[in-house]
Amino acid sequence: MTVKVNDSCIGCGACESVCGEVFKVEDVATVNESAVADNIDCVKEAADACPVGAIEVE
């Protein structure tokens, strides 16, 4: 699974609050790729929670 945060990220922190193991937000969200495989369910929840659809899960 590949997880990316695209340029539409507004840094709101929704992804980090849902899945802090994978997402960290400073100015924009970043992905801890090494944690994705163990946290697939919360990654999908975070993508759904993103208000601007900035999280791309493939």
Protein backbone atom coordinates (compact mmCIF):
# COMPACT_ATOMS: atom_id res chain seq x y z
CA MET A 1 0.00 0.00 0.00
CA THR A 2 1.24 3.46 -0.90
CA VAL A 3 0.14 6.52 1.08
CA LYS A 4 0.80 10.07 -0.06
CA VAL A 5 -0.29 13.50 1.12
CA ASN A 6 -0.88 15.78 -1.85
CA ASP A 7 -0.47 19.54 -2.15
CA SER A 8 -4.04 20.28 -1.07
CA CYS A 9 -3.16 19.48 2.58
CA ILE A 10 -4.17 22.37 4.87
CA GLY A 11 -2.41 21.00 7.97
CA CYS A 12 -5.62 20.68 9.99
CA GLY A 13 -4.39 17.65 11.96
CA ALA A 14 -7.40 15.40 11.39
CA CYS A 15 -5.21 12.59 10.04
CA GLU A 16 -2.83 12.78 12.98
CA SER A 17 -5.69 12.66 15.49
CA VAL A 18 -7.11 9.55 13.78
CA CYS A 19 -3.82 7.79 13.00
CA GLY A 20 -0.91 9.39 14.82
CA GLU A 21 1.24 6.31 14.28
CA VAL A 22 1.45 7.14 10.57
CA PHE A 23 0.69 10.88 10.18
CA LYS A 24 2.45 13.86 11.72
CA VAL A 25 1.41 17.44 11.05
CA GLU A 26 3.60 20.51 11.31
CA ASP A 27 2.85 22.87 8.44
CA VAL A 28 1.50 19.97 6.39
CA ALA A 29 1.03 16.26 7.03
CA THR A 30 3.86 13.80 6.51
CA VAL A 31 3.68 10.00 6.32
CA ASN A 32 5.77 7.57 8.36
CA GLU A 33 5.94 4.97 5.58
CA SER A 34 7.44 2.30 7.82
CA ALA A 35 4.27 2.34 9.98
CA VAL A 36 1.72 2.08 7.15
CA ALA A 37 1.59 -1.73 6.86
CA ASP A 38 0.78 -2.19 10.55
CA ASN A 39 -1.88 0.54 10.58
CA ILE A 40 -3.87 0.06 7.38
CA ASP A 41 -7.27 0.48 9.02
CA CYS A 42 -6.47 3.80 10.67
CA VAL A 43 -4.77 5.04 7.47
CA LYS A 44 -8.05 4.48 5.62
CA GLU A 45 -9.98 6.20 8.42
CA ALA A 46 -7.61 9.16 8.26
CA ALA A 47 -8.05 9.41 4.49
CA ASP A 48 -11.83 9.48 4.99
CA ALA A 49 -11.51 12.09 7.73
CA CYS A 50 -9.41 14.48 5.64
CA PRO A 51 -11.63 17.50 4.87
CA VAL A 52 -9.83 18.30 1.61
CA GLY A 53 -9.10 14.76 0.38
CA ALA A 54 -5.34 15.27 0.55
CA ILE A 55 -4.50 11.68 1.54
CA GLU A 56 -4.06 9.32 -1.40
CA VAL A 57 -4.13 5.61 -0.61
CA GLU A 58 -3.26 3.15 -3.37
